[in-house]
Amino acid sequence: MASLMEVLIDVLEQESREYEELLALSMRKTPVIVSENLDELSKITDDEQIIVSRINHLDAQRMEAVNDIANVLNKDVANLKIVDLIKMLASRPEEQEKLATAFDRLRENVRNVKRVNEQNRELIEQALELVQFNMNVLQSMNKAPETANYNKGAYSTGDMIGTSSKAFDAKQ
């Protein structure tokens, strides 16, 4: 059982380190979103996908370790939580401390990643709203009412309010 706990602690520590890397990338992503640097955002997103893949692998290892511990303890794996394992290790304070520290560190890192990702999500939503607003303005310019401008022959020129040309300039 001691070796199973060591495996679990090791997996939790590795998972925590991966979340720290993910947090660093997420924090790097915030100014990139603000500056609208799509190339850099794409690179960061690719790096995040690699880390998430490693986290998923470690998560599977963690679940396997918890399953093994549940079998040894003859407990239902669906109801066995790491917090319960920490309480059960009261007779072994050194292992209990290591497991509690690894678990708390992982939980804090996950919480921080979630917070930064929420901020980034809100920034992206605001950027999308701004793009939608700009697109609506551009579309409404094409539907603006005609002016009351007449040419020398007393015919309406057909000019639209607020537009000088009907072409869309992608470089603006």
Protein backbone atom coordinates (compact mmCIF):
# COMPACT_ATOMS: atom_id res chain seq x y z
CA MET A 1 0.00 0.00 0.00
CA ALA A 2 2.90 2.37 0.74
CA SER A 3 4.14 2.06 -2.82
CA LEU A 4 0.63 2.77 -4.14
CA MET A 5 0.55 5.96 -2.08
CA GLU A 6 3.96 6.94 -3.41
CA VAL A 7 2.69 6.42 -6.97
CA LEU A 8 -0.38 8.54 -6.24
CA ILE A 9 1.70 11.31 -4.65
CA ASP A 10 4.14 11.25 -7.57
CA VAL A 11 1.30 11.48 -10.13
CA LEU A 12 -0.32 14.36 -8.22
CA GLU A 13 3.00 16.23 -8.15
CA GLN A 14 3.55 15.69 -11.88
CA GLU A 15 0.00 16.80 -12.62
CA SER A 16 0.53 19.89 -10.50
CA ARG A 17 3.68 20.79 -12.46
CA GLU A 18 1.78 20.41 -15.73
CA TYR A 19 -0.95 22.73 -14.44
CA GLU A 20 1.72 25.25 -13.48
CA GLU A 21 2.97 25.18 -17.08
CA LEU A 22 -0.59 25.53 -18.33
CA LEU A 23 -1.10 28.49 -16.00
CA ALA A 24 2.02 30.19 -17.34
CA LEU A 25 0.76 29.74 -20.91
CA SER A 26 -2.70 31.01 -19.99
CA MET A 27 -1.17 34.10 -18.41
CA ARG A 28 0.96 34.65 -21.53
CA LYS A 29 -2.19 34.36 -23.59
CA THR A 30 -3.97 37.32 -21.93
CA PRO A 31 -1.81 40.13 -23.41
CA VAL A 32 -1.75 38.28 -26.74
CA ILE A 33 -5.56 38.33 -26.83
CA VAL A 34 -5.60 42.03 -25.96
CA SER A 35 -3.05 42.84 -28.68
CA GLU A 36 -4.98 40.67 -31.18
CA ASN A 37 -1.84 38.77 -32.19
CA LEU A 38 -3.47 35.74 -33.82
CA ASP A 39 -0.20 34.04 -34.82
CA GLU A 40 1.10 34.06 -31.25
CA LEU A 41 -2.33 33.00 -29.94
CA SER A 42 -2.26 30.03 -32.29
CA LYS A 43 1.20 29.00 -31.04
CA ILE A 44 0.14 29.27 -27.40
CA THR A 45 -3.01 27.26 -28.09
CA ASP A 46 -0.94 24.52 -29.73
CA ASP A 47 1.37 24.42 -26.70
CA GLU A 48 -1.66 24.25 -24.41
CA GLN A 49 -3.01 21.26 -26.32
CA ILE A 50 0.25 19.39 -25.75
CA ILE A 51 0.11 20.09 -22.01
CA VAL A 52 -3.58 19.14 -21.81
CA SER A 53 -2.74 15.84 -23.49
CA ARG A 54 -0.08 15.16 -20.84
CA ILE A 55 -2.53 16.14 -18.08
CA ASN A 56 -5.11 13.71 -19.47
CA HIS A 57 -2.50 10.94 -19.41
CA LEU A 58 -1.57 11.77 -15.81
CA ASP A 59 -5.23 11.94 -14.85
CA ALA A 60 -5.69 8.40 -16.13
CA GLN A 61 -2.67 7.31 -14.07
CA ARG A 62 -4.13 9.01 -11.00
CA MET A 63 -7.45 7.24 -11.47
CA GLU A 64 -5.64 3.93 -11.87
CA ALA A 65 -3.68 4.53 -8.64
CA VAL A 66 -6.89 5.43 -6.76
CA ASN A 67 -8.56 2.28 -8.15
CA ASP A 68 -5.64 0.15 -6.95
CA ILE A 69 -5.74 1.77 -3.50
CA ALA A 70 -9.52 1.24 -3.33
CA ASN A 71 -9.04 -2.46 -4.14
CA VAL A 72 -6.39 -2.85 -1.43
CA LEU A 73 -8.60 -1.05 1.12
CA ASN A 74 -11.69 -2.93 -0.08
CA LYS A 75 -13.51 0.38 -0.64
CA ASP A 76 -15.86 1.47 -3.39
CA VAL A 77 -13.76 3.46 -5.87
CA ALA A 78 -16.73 5.68 -6.78
CA ASN A 79 -16.96 6.94 -3.21
CA LEU A 80 -13.24 7.05 -2.40
CA LYS A 81 -11.82 10.56 -2.66
CA ILE A 82 -8.27 11.78 -2.08
CA VAL A 83 -9.53 13.76 0.92
CA ASP A 84 -10.70 10.45 2.41
CA LEU A 85 -7.29 8.91 1.76
CA ILE A 86 -5.62 11.82 3.56
CA LYS A 87 -7.83 11.19 6.60
CA MET A 88 -7.10 7.45 6.50
CA LEU A 89 -3.37 8.12 6.65
CA ALA A 90 -3.57 9.59 10.17
CA SER A 91 -1.43 6.71 11.46
CA ARG A 92 1.30 7.61 8.93
CA PRO A 93 1.77 11.36 9.30
CA GLU A 94 4.69 11.60 6.86
CA GLU A 95 2.71 10.08 3.97
CA GLN A 96 -0.36 12.01 5.05
CA GLU A 97 1.56 15.30 4.86
CA LYS A 98 3.04 14.50 1.44
CA LEU A 99 -0.35 13.52 0.01
CA ALA A 100 -2.10 16.55 1.52
CA THR A 101 0.59 18.92 0.22
CA ALA A 102 0.53 17.44 -3.29
CA PHE A 103 -3.27 17.49 -3.38
CA ASP A 104 -3.52 21.08 -2.09
CA ARG A 105 -0.91 22.29 -4.57
CA LEU A 106 -2.72 20.60 -7.46
CA ARG A 107 -6.08 21.99 -6.38
CA GLU A 108 -4.65 25.52 -6.12
CA ASN A 109 -3.03 25.30 -9.56
CA VAL A 110 -6.27 24.04 -11.12
CA ARG A 111 -8.17 26.89 -9.46
CA ASN A 112 -5.68 29.46 -10.81
CA VAL A 113 -5.82 28.03 -14.36
CA LYS A 114 -9.60 28.15 -14.22
CA ARG A 115 -9.55 31.80 -13.07
CA VAL A 116 -7.13 32.94 -15.80
CA ASN A 117 -9.01 30.97 -18.47
CA GLU A 118 -12.25 32.64 -17.39
CA GLN A 119 -10.61 36.06 -17.81
CA ASN A 120 -9.33 35.07 -21.25
CA ARG A 121 -12.77 33.77 -22.23
CA GLU A 122 -14.33 37.09 -21.28
CA LEU A 123 -11.70 39.00 -23.28
CA ILE A 124 -12.36 36.83 -26.33
CA GLU A 125 -16.12 37.34 -25.97
CA GLN A 126 -15.63 41.10 -25.81
CA ALA A 127 -13.40 41.00 -28.89
CA LEU A 128 -16.04 39.00 -30.75
CA GLU A 129 -18.73 41.46 -29.71
CA LEU A 130 -16.58 44.31 -31.03
CA VAL A 131 -16.07 42.51 -34.34
CA GLN A 132 -19.82 41.87 -34.58
CA PHE A 133 -20.51 45.54 -33.84
CA ASN A 134 -18.05 46.66 -36.52
CA MET A 135 -19.58 44.26 -39.04
CA ASN A 136 -23.06 45.59 -38.24
CA VAL A 137 -21.84 49.17 -38.73
CA LEU A 138 -20.30 48.27 -42.08
CA GLN A 139 -23.44 46.47 -43.20
CA SER A 140 -25.70 49.30 -42.08
CA MET A 141 -23.63 51.80 -44.04
CA ASN A 142 -24.66 49.97 -47.21
CA LYS A 143 -28.30 50.23 -46.16
CA ALA A 144 -28.18 53.91 -45.17
CA PRO A 145 -30.82 56.17 -46.69
CA GLU A 146 -30.02 58.19 -49.77
CA THR A 147 -29.16 61.84 -49.44
CA ALA A 148 -31.19 64.59 -51.02
CA ASN A 149 -28.33 65.50 -53.35
CA TYR A 150 -29.22 66.32 -56.91
CA ASN A 151 -27.06 66.71 -59.99
CA LYS A 152 -27.29 69.45 -62.64
CA GLY A 153 -30.17 67.74 -64.37
CA ALA A 154 -32.25 67.74 -61.15
CA TYR A 155 -31.89 64.00 -60.73
CA SER A 156 -30.97 62.35 -57.41
CA THR A 157 -27.31 61.34 -57.26
CA GLY A 158 -28.13 58.23 -55.18
CA ASP A 159 -25.43 59.01 -52.61
CA MET A 160 -25.73 57.19 -49.31
CA ILE A 161 -25.36 58.94 -45.96
CA GLY A 162 -21.91 58.35 -44.43
CA THR A 163 -20.36 56.51 -47.35
CA SER A 164 -18.15 57.65 -50.13
CA SER A 165 -17.70 54.25 -51.80
CA LYS A 166 -19.50 50.94 -51.58
CA ALA A 167 -16.33 48.84 -51.54
CA PHE A 168 -15.14 47.07 -48.42
CA ASP A 169 -11.54 47.89 -47.55
CA ALA A 170 -10.03 44.84 -45.83
CA LYS A 171 -6.83 46.75 -44.93
CA GLN A 172 -8.58 49.17 -42.56
